[in-house]
């Protein structure tokens, strides 16, 4: 079951459009993990680049005799250099994009949505995963499990959340009379 961890003081701050210090720290921790995960993947990429280059070179040289090597060697080197350059550009681009998303997450504005609660679910035959949705008026949030206990159908709620790209973090919520 999805659990929410916020205090009444945080709800009051969220009503005023501000985040509490703890909520800001949560956003910073998530941004840090986004940055860290993008850098840790570089070593894996470099390992497979070296492994693939060695395998490709061995297979290429295995089927070649001494007369063809001087003419095809430069073409092979150009192809290998282009591959290495393309991998480095793609890696640098992914690090840049993840750092930019992390910076946006740290400075994410607090948004709110309110309305009568409506529930929906969807089952994907391909992945075998059931998704649960809660509508706050017209705004839809996805959850990994049913939320009818937390948000009863037909009740009116106001929810405070931060959104960056596809990431939507619920900061707090309150039931309206």
N, C-alpha and C. Protein backbone atom coordinates (compact mmCIF):
# COMPACT_ATOMS: atom_id res chain seq x y z
N UNK A 1 0.85 -1.18 0.00
CA UNK A 1 0.00 0.00 0.00
C UNK A 1 0.89 1.24 0.00
N UNK A 2 0.57 2.20 -0.82
CA UNK A 2 1.31 3.44 -0.88
C UNK A 2 1.05 4.24 0.39
N UNK A 3 2.14 4.72 1.01
CA UNK A 3 2.00 5.51 2.23
C UNK A 3 2.46 6.93 1.97
N UNK A 4 1.80 7.86 2.62
CA UNK A 4 2.16 9.26 2.51
C UNK A 4 2.72 9.70 3.85
N UNK A 5 3.79 10.49 3.80
CA UNK A 5 4.45 10.92 5.02
C UNK A 5 4.54 12.45 5.01
N UNK A 6 3.57 13.09 5.66
CA UNK A 6 3.61 14.54 5.78
C UNK A 6 2.89 14.93 7.07
N UNK A 7 3.18 16.14 7.53
CA UNK A 7 2.60 16.63 8.78
C UNK A 7 1.56 17.71 8.48
N UNK A 8 0.81 18.07 9.50
CA UNK A 8 -0.19 19.14 9.35
C UNK A 8 0.48 20.48 9.05
N UNK A 9 1.67 20.70 9.63
CA UNK A 9 2.40 21.95 9.35
C UNK A 9 2.79 22.03 7.87
N UNK A 10 3.14 20.87 7.29
CA UNK A 10 3.49 20.86 5.88
C UNK A 10 2.27 21.14 5.00
N UNK A 11 1.12 20.65 5.41
CA UNK A 11 -0.11 20.96 4.66
C UNK A 11 -0.38 22.46 4.70
N UNK A 12 -0.20 23.08 5.87
CA UNK A 12 -0.43 24.52 6.00
C UNK A 12 0.56 25.30 5.13
N UNK A 13 1.83 24.87 5.11
CA UNK A 13 2.81 25.53 4.24
C UNK A 13 2.45 25.33 2.77
N UNK A 14 2.03 24.12 2.42
CA UNK A 14 1.64 23.85 1.03
C UNK A 14 0.44 24.69 0.61
N UNK A 15 -0.48 24.95 1.54
CA UNK A 15 -1.62 25.82 1.23
C UNK A 15 -1.16 27.21 0.81
N UNK A 16 -0.07 27.67 1.43
CA UNK A 16 0.48 28.99 1.13
C UNK A 16 1.36 28.98 -0.12
N UNK A 17 1.54 27.79 -0.70
CA UNK A 17 2.35 27.69 -1.92
C UNK A 17 3.82 27.46 -1.66
N UNK A 18 4.18 27.06 -0.44
CA UNK A 18 5.58 26.85 -0.08
C UNK A 18 5.82 25.39 0.31
N UNK A 19 7.05 24.97 0.16
CA UNK A 19 7.45 23.63 0.58
C UNK A 19 8.16 23.71 1.93
N UNK A 20 7.99 22.69 2.74
CA UNK A 20 8.71 22.63 4.02
C UNK A 20 10.17 22.27 3.75
N UNK A 21 11.01 22.45 4.76
CA UNK A 21 12.42 22.11 4.61
C UNK A 21 12.60 20.62 4.31
N UNK A 22 11.83 19.78 4.97
CA UNK A 22 11.92 18.34 4.75
C UNK A 22 11.51 17.98 3.31
N UNK A 23 10.46 18.62 2.80
CA UNK A 23 10.03 18.36 1.43
C UNK A 23 11.10 18.81 0.43
N UNK A 24 11.75 19.94 0.71
CA UNK A 24 12.85 20.39 -0.15
C UNK A 24 14.00 19.40 -0.13
N UNK A 25 14.28 18.84 1.05
CA UNK A 25 15.35 17.85 1.16
C UNK A 25 15.01 16.57 0.40
N UNK A 26 13.74 16.19 0.39
CA UNK A 26 13.32 15.02 -0.39
C UNK A 26 13.55 15.27 -1.87
N UNK A 27 13.20 16.45 -2.35
CA UNK A 27 13.42 16.78 -3.76
C UNK A 27 14.92 16.79 -4.08
N UNK A 28 15.74 17.35 -3.17
CA UNK A 28 17.18 17.37 -3.40
C UNK A 28 17.76 15.96 -3.41
N UNK A 29 17.26 15.10 -2.53
CA UNK A 29 17.75 13.71 -2.50
C UNK A 29 17.39 12.98 -3.79
N UNK A 30 16.20 13.21 -4.30
CA UNK A 30 15.81 12.58 -5.57
C UNK A 30 16.66 13.11 -6.72
N UNK A 31 16.92 14.42 -6.72
CA UNK A 31 17.77 15.01 -7.76
C UNK A 31 19.19 14.44 -7.69
N UNK A 32 19.70 14.27 -6.48
CA UNK A 32 21.03 13.69 -6.30
C UNK A 32 21.08 12.27 -6.85
N UNK A 33 20.05 11.48 -6.59
CA UNK A 33 20.04 10.10 -7.08
C UNK A 33 19.92 10.05 -8.60
N UNK A 34 19.22 11.00 -9.20
CA UNK A 34 19.14 11.05 -10.67
C UNK A 34 20.53 11.34 -11.24
N UNK A 35 21.23 12.32 -10.64
CA UNK A 35 22.58 12.64 -11.11
C UNK A 35 23.54 11.45 -10.92
N UNK A 36 23.46 10.84 -9.77
CA UNK A 36 24.36 9.73 -9.44
C UNK A 36 24.13 8.54 -10.36
N UNK A 37 22.89 8.21 -10.64
CA UNK A 37 22.61 7.05 -11.49
C UNK A 37 23.05 7.30 -12.93
N UNK A 38 23.00 8.54 -13.38
CA UNK A 38 23.43 8.81 -14.76
C UNK A 38 24.94 8.67 -14.88
N UNK A 39 25.69 9.01 -13.83
CA UNK A 39 27.14 8.88 -13.88
C UNK A 39 27.59 7.43 -13.70
N UNK A 40 26.88 6.67 -12.90
CA UNK A 40 27.30 5.29 -12.64
C UNK A 40 27.13 4.41 -13.88
N UNK A 41 26.24 4.77 -14.76
CA UNK A 41 26.03 3.99 -15.97
C UNK A 41 27.14 4.15 -17.00
N UNK A 42 27.96 5.18 -16.85
CA UNK A 42 29.03 5.44 -17.82
C UNK A 42 30.03 4.28 -17.84
N UNK A 43 30.37 3.75 -16.68
CA UNK A 43 31.35 2.66 -16.63
C UNK A 43 30.82 1.41 -17.33
N UNK A 44 29.55 1.16 -17.19
CA UNK A 44 28.95 0.01 -17.87
C UNK A 44 28.99 0.21 -19.38
N UNK A 45 28.68 1.43 -19.82
CA UNK A 45 28.72 1.74 -21.25
C UNK A 45 30.13 1.58 -21.80
N UNK A 46 31.12 2.09 -21.07
CA UNK A 46 32.50 1.99 -21.54
C UNK A 46 32.98 0.54 -21.59
N UNK A 47 32.57 -0.27 -20.63
CA UNK A 47 32.94 -1.69 -20.63
C UNK A 47 32.39 -2.38 -21.88
N UNK A 48 31.12 -2.17 -22.16
CA UNK A 48 30.53 -2.85 -23.32
C UNK A 48 31.05 -2.27 -24.64
N UNK A 49 31.44 -0.99 -24.64
CA UNK A 49 32.05 -0.42 -25.83
C UNK A 49 33.38 -1.12 -26.11
N UNK A 50 34.21 -1.29 -25.08
CA UNK A 50 35.50 -1.96 -25.25
C UNK A 50 35.30 -3.43 -25.64
N UNK A 51 34.38 -4.10 -24.98
CA UNK A 51 34.11 -5.51 -25.29
C UNK A 51 33.63 -5.67 -26.74
N UNK A 52 32.69 -4.84 -27.15
CA UNK A 52 32.18 -4.90 -28.52
C UNK A 52 33.24 -4.59 -29.55
N UNK A 53 34.10 -3.62 -29.25
CA UNK A 53 35.18 -3.27 -30.18
C UNK A 53 36.16 -4.42 -30.34
N UNK A 54 36.50 -5.07 -29.23
CA UNK A 54 37.42 -6.21 -29.30
C UNK A 54 36.82 -7.36 -30.10
N UNK A 55 35.57 -7.66 -29.86
CA UNK A 55 34.91 -8.75 -30.59
C UNK A 55 34.81 -8.41 -32.07
N UNK A 56 34.43 -7.16 -32.37
CA UNK A 56 34.30 -6.75 -33.77
C UNK A 56 35.66 -6.80 -34.47
N UNK A 57 36.70 -6.34 -33.80
CA UNK A 57 38.04 -6.38 -34.40
C UNK A 57 38.52 -7.80 -34.63
N UNK A 58 38.28 -8.69 -33.68
CA UNK A 58 38.71 -10.08 -33.83
C UNK A 58 37.98 -10.76 -34.98
N UNK A 59 36.69 -10.56 -35.08
CA UNK A 59 35.91 -11.17 -36.17
C UNK A 59 36.34 -10.59 -37.51
N UNK A 60 36.60 -9.30 -37.56
CA UNK A 60 37.00 -8.66 -38.81
C UNK A 60 38.36 -9.18 -39.27
N UNK A 61 39.30 -9.26 -38.33
CA UNK A 61 40.65 -9.70 -38.69
C UNK A 61 40.72 -11.19 -38.98
N UNK A 62 39.81 -11.96 -38.43
CA UNK A 62 39.81 -13.40 -38.64
C UNK A 62 39.51 -13.77 -40.09
N UNK A 63 38.67 -13.01 -40.73
CA UNK A 63 38.29 -13.32 -42.11
C UNK A 63 39.10 -12.57 -43.13
N UNK A 64 40.24 -12.03 -42.77
CA UNK A 64 41.00 -11.20 -43.68
C UNK A 64 42.39 -11.80 -43.90
N UNK A 65 42.89 -11.69 -45.10
CA UNK A 65 44.26 -12.15 -45.33
C UNK A 65 45.19 -10.94 -45.37
N UNK A 66 46.48 -11.18 -45.50
CA UNK A 66 47.48 -10.12 -45.40
C UNK A 66 47.38 -9.12 -46.55
N UNK A 67 46.84 -9.52 -47.70
CA UNK A 67 46.77 -8.60 -48.84
C UNK A 67 45.67 -7.56 -48.68
N UNK A 68 44.56 -7.92 -48.00
CA UNK A 68 43.43 -6.99 -47.87
C UNK A 68 43.58 -6.03 -46.69
N UNK A 69 44.42 -6.37 -45.72
CA UNK A 69 44.52 -5.55 -44.51
C UNK A 69 44.96 -4.11 -44.78
N UNK A 70 45.98 -3.87 -45.62
CA UNK A 70 46.37 -2.47 -45.84
C UNK A 70 45.27 -1.62 -46.48
N UNK A 71 44.41 -2.21 -47.30
CA UNK A 71 43.37 -1.41 -47.96
C UNK A 71 42.13 -1.24 -47.09
N UNK A 72 41.78 -2.26 -46.29
CA UNK A 72 40.57 -2.17 -45.48
C UNK A 72 40.84 -1.69 -44.05
N UNK A 73 42.09 -1.68 -43.63
CA UNK A 73 42.44 -1.23 -42.28
C UNK A 73 41.98 0.19 -41.97
N UNK A 74 42.24 1.16 -42.87
CA UNK A 74 41.79 2.54 -42.60
C UNK A 74 40.26 2.67 -42.51
N UNK A 75 39.55 1.91 -43.35
CA UNK A 75 38.08 1.95 -43.28
C UNK A 75 37.59 1.39 -41.95
N UNK A 76 38.26 0.33 -41.50
CA UNK A 76 37.87 -0.25 -40.22
C UNK A 76 38.14 0.74 -39.08
N UNK A 77 39.28 1.41 -39.13
CA UNK A 77 39.61 2.39 -38.09
C UNK A 77 38.63 3.57 -38.10
N UNK A 78 38.24 4.01 -39.29
CA UNK A 78 37.27 5.11 -39.37
C UNK A 78 35.93 4.69 -38.77
N UNK A 79 35.49 3.48 -39.10
CA UNK A 79 34.23 2.97 -38.53
C UNK A 79 34.30 2.84 -37.03
N UNK A 80 35.42 2.35 -36.53
CA UNK A 80 35.61 2.20 -35.09
C UNK A 80 35.65 3.56 -34.39
N UNK A 81 36.36 4.52 -34.99
CA UNK A 81 36.42 5.87 -34.41
C UNK A 81 35.04 6.52 -34.39
N UNK A 82 34.28 6.35 -35.47
CA UNK A 82 32.93 6.91 -35.51
C UNK A 82 32.05 6.28 -34.43
N UNK A 83 32.16 4.97 -34.25
CA UNK A 83 31.37 4.28 -33.23
C UNK A 83 31.71 4.79 -31.84
N UNK A 84 32.99 4.92 -31.54
CA UNK A 84 33.42 5.42 -30.23
C UNK A 84 32.92 6.85 -30.03
N UNK A 85 33.05 7.68 -31.06
CA UNK A 85 32.58 9.07 -30.96
C UNK A 85 31.08 9.12 -30.72
N UNK A 86 30.31 8.30 -31.45
CA UNK A 86 28.85 8.29 -31.29
C UNK A 86 28.46 7.85 -29.89
N UNK A 87 29.13 6.84 -29.35
CA UNK A 87 28.82 6.37 -28.00
C UNK A 87 29.12 7.47 -26.98
N UNK A 88 30.24 8.15 -27.13
CA UNK A 88 30.57 9.23 -26.19
C UNK A 88 29.59 10.40 -26.28
N UNK A 89 29.16 10.73 -27.48
CA UNK A 89 28.18 11.82 -27.64
C UNK A 89 26.85 11.44 -27.00
N UNK A 90 26.40 10.23 -27.23
CA UNK A 90 25.12 9.78 -26.64
C UNK A 90 25.22 9.74 -25.12
N UNK A 91 26.35 9.27 -24.60
CA UNK A 91 26.55 9.22 -23.15
C UNK A 91 26.57 10.63 -22.56
N UNK A 92 27.30 11.54 -23.18
CA UNK A 92 27.35 12.92 -22.69
C UNK A 92 25.97 13.57 -22.75
N UNK A 93 25.23 13.30 -23.80
CA UNK A 93 23.89 13.86 -23.93
C UNK A 93 22.96 13.32 -22.84
N UNK A 94 23.06 12.04 -22.54
CA UNK A 94 22.20 11.48 -21.48
C UNK A 94 22.56 12.05 -20.11
N UNK A 95 23.85 12.27 -19.85
CA UNK A 95 24.26 12.89 -18.58
C UNK A 95 23.76 14.32 -18.51
N UNK A 96 23.87 15.05 -19.61
CA UNK A 96 23.39 16.43 -19.65
C UNK A 96 21.89 16.51 -19.39
N UNK A 97 21.12 15.64 -20.04
CA UNK A 97 19.66 15.65 -19.88
C UNK A 97 19.27 15.27 -18.45
N UNK A 98 19.94 14.27 -17.89
CA UNK A 98 19.59 13.88 -16.52
C UNK A 98 19.97 14.96 -15.51
N UNK A 99 21.08 15.65 -15.72
CA UNK A 99 21.44 16.76 -14.82
C UNK A 99 20.44 17.90 -14.93
N UNK A 100 20.00 18.16 -16.14
CA UNK A 100 19.02 19.23 -16.33
C UNK A 100 17.69 18.88 -15.66
N UNK A 101 17.28 17.60 -15.77
CA UNK A 101 16.04 17.19 -15.11
C UNK A 101 16.20 17.24 -13.60
N UNK A 102 17.37 16.88 -13.08
CA UNK A 102 17.61 16.95 -11.64
C UNK A 102 17.56 18.40 -11.15
N UNK A 103 18.11 19.32 -11.93
CA UNK A 103 18.06 20.73 -11.54
C UNK A 103 16.62 21.24 -11.55
N UNK A 104 15.84 20.81 -12.53
CA UNK A 104 14.42 21.21 -12.56
C UNK A 104 13.66 20.63 -11.39
N UNK A 105 14.01 19.41 -10.98
CA UNK A 105 13.34 18.77 -9.85
C UNK A 105 13.62 19.52 -8.55
N UNK A 106 14.85 19.99 -8.37
CA UNK A 106 15.19 20.75 -7.17
C UNK A 106 14.41 22.05 -7.08
N UNK A 107 14.11 22.64 -8.23
CA UNK A 107 13.40 23.92 -8.25
C UNK A 107 11.95 23.76 -8.71
N UNK A 108 11.39 22.58 -8.52
CA UNK A 108 10.03 22.31 -9.01
C UNK A 108 9.00 23.16 -8.26
N UNK A 109 8.08 23.76 -8.99
CA UNK A 109 7.03 24.55 -8.32
C UNK A 109 5.99 23.63 -7.69
N UNK A 110 5.38 24.13 -6.65
CA UNK A 110 4.31 23.39 -5.98
C UNK A 110 3.00 23.67 -6.70
N UNK A 111 2.35 22.63 -7.15
CA UNK A 111 1.07 22.75 -7.85
C UNK A 111 -0.02 22.13 -7.00
N UNK A 112 -1.25 22.44 -7.31
CA UNK A 112 -2.36 21.84 -6.57
C UNK A 112 -3.48 21.48 -7.53
N UNK A 113 -4.24 20.50 -7.12
CA UNK A 113 -5.43 20.08 -7.86
C UNK A 113 -6.48 19.70 -6.84
N UNK A 114 -7.72 19.97 -7.17
CA UNK A 114 -8.79 19.59 -6.26
C UNK A 114 -10.01 19.17 -7.05
N UNK A 115 -10.82 18.39 -6.38
CA UNK A 115 -12.05 17.95 -7.01
C UNK A 115 -12.58 16.69 -6.37
N UNK A 116 -13.67 16.23 -6.93
CA UNK A 116 -14.32 15.02 -6.44
C UNK A 116 -13.50 13.82 -6.92
N UNK A 117 -13.29 12.89 -6.01
CA UNK A 117 -12.45 11.72 -6.29
C UNK A 117 -13.21 10.71 -7.15
N UNK A 118 -12.48 10.21 -8.15
CA UNK A 118 -12.98 9.15 -9.01
C UNK A 118 -11.84 8.15 -9.21
N UNK A 119 -12.16 6.86 -9.20
CA UNK A 119 -11.15 5.81 -9.35
C UNK A 119 -11.30 5.12 -10.70
N UNK A 120 -10.18 4.65 -11.20
CA UNK A 120 -10.17 3.88 -12.44
C UNK A 120 -8.96 2.95 -12.39
N UNK A 121 -8.98 1.92 -13.20
CA UNK A 121 -7.83 1.01 -13.27
C UNK A 121 -7.70 0.51 -14.70
N UNK A 122 -6.51 0.01 -15.00
CA UNK A 122 -6.22 -0.47 -16.34
C UNK A 122 -5.26 -1.65 -16.22
N UNK A 123 -5.49 -2.68 -17.02
CA UNK A 123 -4.62 -3.85 -17.01
C UNK A 123 -3.94 -3.98 -18.36
N UNK A 124 -2.62 -4.09 -18.34
CA UNK A 124 -1.85 -4.26 -19.56
C UNK A 124 -1.59 -5.74 -19.80
N UNK A 125 -2.08 -6.26 -20.90
CA UNK A 125 -1.88 -7.68 -21.22
C UNK A 125 -0.41 -7.96 -21.54
N UNK A 126 0.28 -6.97 -22.11
CA UNK A 126 1.68 -7.17 -22.49
C UNK A 126 2.58 -7.33 -21.28
N UNK A 127 2.43 -6.45 -20.30
CA UNK A 127 3.32 -6.49 -19.13
C UNK A 127 2.72 -7.24 -17.96
N UNK A 128 1.42 -7.44 -17.97
CA UNK A 128 0.77 -8.13 -16.85
C UNK A 128 0.66 -7.27 -15.61
N UNK A 129 0.70 -5.96 -15.78
CA UNK A 129 0.65 -5.02 -14.66
C UNK A 129 -0.68 -4.30 -14.66
N UNK A 130 -1.25 -4.18 -13.48
CA UNK A 130 -2.49 -3.43 -13.33
C UNK A 130 -2.15 -2.06 -12.74
N UNK A 131 -2.62 -1.01 -13.37
CA UNK A 131 -2.39 0.36 -12.92
C UNK A 131 -3.66 0.91 -12.32
N UNK A 132 -3.51 1.66 -11.27
CA UNK A 132 -4.65 2.27 -10.59
C UNK A 132 -4.54 3.78 -10.74
N UNK A 133 -5.67 4.42 -11.02
CA UNK A 133 -5.71 5.86 -11.21
C UNK A 133 -6.70 6.48 -10.25
N UNK A 134 -6.32 7.66 -9.75
CA UNK A 134 -7.22 8.46 -8.93
C UNK A 134 -7.34 9.82 -9.61
N UNK A 135 -8.56 10.22 -9.87
CA UNK A 135 -8.84 11.52 -10.48
C UNK A 135 -9.24 12.50 -9.40
N UNK A 136 -8.54 13.63 -9.34
CA UNK A 136 -8.89 14.74 -8.46
C UNK A 136 -9.51 15.79 -9.37
N UNK A 137 -10.81 15.71 -9.57
CA UNK A 137 -11.44 16.55 -10.58
C UNK A 137 -11.01 16.03 -11.94
N UNK A 138 -10.24 16.85 -12.68
CA UNK A 138 -9.76 16.44 -14.00
C UNK A 138 -8.32 15.94 -13.98
N UNK A 139 -7.62 16.14 -12.88
CA UNK A 139 -6.21 15.74 -12.78
C UNK A 139 -6.10 14.27 -12.38
N UNK A 140 -5.31 13.51 -13.14
CA UNK A 140 -5.16 12.07 -12.90
C UNK A 140 -3.78 11.76 -12.32
N UNK A 141 -3.77 10.92 -11.29
CA UNK A 141 -2.53 10.42 -10.70
C UNK A 141 -2.52 8.90 -10.80
N UNK A 142 -1.36 8.33 -11.08
CA UNK A 142 -1.20 6.88 -11.16
C UNK A 142 -0.61 6.35 -9.87
N UNK A 143 -1.06 5.17 -9.46
CA UNK A 143 -0.57 4.52 -8.25
C UNK A 143 -0.32 3.04 -8.55
N UNK A 144 0.61 2.43 -7.82
CA UNK A 144 0.87 1.00 -8.04
C UNK A 144 -0.19 0.09 -7.43
N UNK A 145 -1.01 0.62 -6.52
CA UNK A 145 -2.07 -0.19 -5.91
C UNK A 145 -3.31 0.67 -5.69
N UNK A 146 -4.41 0.04 -5.36
CA UNK A 146 -5.67 0.75 -5.17
C UNK A 146 -5.59 1.75 -4.03
N UNK A 147 -6.19 2.91 -4.21
CA UNK A 147 -6.12 3.97 -3.21
C UNK A 147 -7.50 4.33 -2.66
N UNK A 148 -8.46 3.42 -2.75
CA UNK A 148 -9.82 3.74 -2.32
C UNK A 148 -9.91 3.94 -0.80
N UNK A 149 -8.99 3.38 -0.04
CA UNK A 149 -9.00 3.61 1.42
C UNK A 149 -8.54 5.02 1.76
N UNK A 150 -7.51 5.49 1.06
CA UNK A 150 -6.96 6.82 1.33
C UNK A 150 -7.85 7.90 0.73
N UNK A 151 -8.29 7.68 -0.50
CA UNK A 151 -9.13 8.64 -1.21
C UNK A 151 -10.47 7.98 -1.55
N UNK A 152 -11.46 8.06 -0.66
CA UNK A 152 -12.75 7.42 -0.93
C UNK A 152 -13.46 8.06 -2.13
N UNK A 153 -14.06 7.23 -2.93
CA UNK A 153 -14.79 7.69 -4.12
C UNK A 153 -15.90 8.66 -3.71
N UNK A 154 -16.00 9.78 -4.43
CA UNK A 154 -17.04 10.76 -4.17
C UNK A 154 -16.65 11.84 -3.19
N UNK A 155 -15.58 11.64 -2.42
CA UNK A 155 -15.11 12.67 -1.48
C UNK A 155 -14.38 13.76 -2.26
N UNK A 156 -14.24 14.93 -1.65
CA UNK A 156 -13.55 16.04 -2.28
C UNK A 156 -12.21 16.25 -1.58
N UNK A 157 -11.14 16.27 -2.37
CA UNK A 157 -9.78 16.43 -1.84
C UNK A 157 -9.06 17.52 -2.61
N UNK A 158 -8.08 18.11 -1.94
CA UNK A 158 -7.12 19.00 -2.60
C UNK A 158 -5.75 18.34 -2.40
N UNK A 159 -5.01 18.25 -3.48
CA UNK A 159 -3.71 17.59 -3.43
C UNK A 159 -2.64 18.59 -3.86
N UNK A 160 -1.51 18.56 -3.17
CA UNK A 160 -0.37 19.42 -3.48
C UNK A 160 0.74 18.53 -4.01
N UNK A 161 1.28 18.88 -5.17
CA UNK A 161 2.27 18.02 -5.81
C UNK A 161 3.28 18.85 -6.59
N UNK A 162 4.42 18.22 -6.87
CA UNK A 162 5.45 18.81 -7.72
C UNK A 162 5.55 17.96 -8.97
N UNK A 163 5.66 18.61 -10.12
CA UNK A 163 5.71 17.89 -11.39
C UNK A 163 6.90 18.38 -12.20
N UNK A 164 7.73 17.43 -12.62
CA UNK A 164 8.84 17.71 -13.53
C UNK A 164 8.86 16.60 -14.57
N UNK A 165 8.56 16.94 -15.80
CA UNK A 165 8.49 15.92 -16.84
C UNK A 165 7.38 14.93 -16.52
N UNK A 166 7.74 13.66 -16.46
CA UNK A 166 6.75 12.64 -16.13
C UNK A 166 6.69 12.35 -14.64
N UNK A 167 7.61 12.92 -13.89
CA UNK A 167 7.65 12.68 -12.44
C UNK A 167 6.64 13.59 -11.75
N UNK A 168 5.73 12.99 -10.99
CA UNK A 168 4.76 13.73 -10.19
C UNK A 168 4.87 13.24 -8.75
N UNK A 169 5.31 14.12 -7.87
CA UNK A 169 5.49 13.75 -6.46
C UNK A 169 4.41 14.41 -5.62
N UNK A 170 3.65 13.60 -4.93
CA UNK A 170 2.61 14.12 -4.05
C UNK A 170 3.26 14.57 -2.75
N UNK A 171 3.13 15.84 -2.43
CA UNK A 171 3.75 16.39 -1.22
C UNK A 171 2.80 16.30 -0.02
N UNK A 172 1.53 16.61 -0.25
CA UNK A 172 0.52 16.50 0.82
C UNK A 172 -0.86 16.59 0.18
N UNK A 173 -1.87 16.33 1.01
CA UNK A 173 -3.25 16.47 0.55
C UNK A 173 -4.13 16.74 1.75
N UNK A 174 -5.33 17.23 1.46
CA UNK A 174 -6.30 17.48 2.53
C UNK A 174 -7.70 17.18 2.01
N UNK A 175 -8.52 16.73 2.91
CA UNK A 175 -9.91 16.46 2.56
C UNK A 175 -10.70 17.74 2.77
N UNK A 176 -11.50 18.10 1.78
CA UNK A 176 -12.31 19.31 1.85
C UNK A 176 -13.72 18.93 2.28
N UNK A 177 -14.37 19.84 2.98
CA UNK A 177 -15.72 19.56 3.49
C UNK A 177 -16.75 19.51 2.39
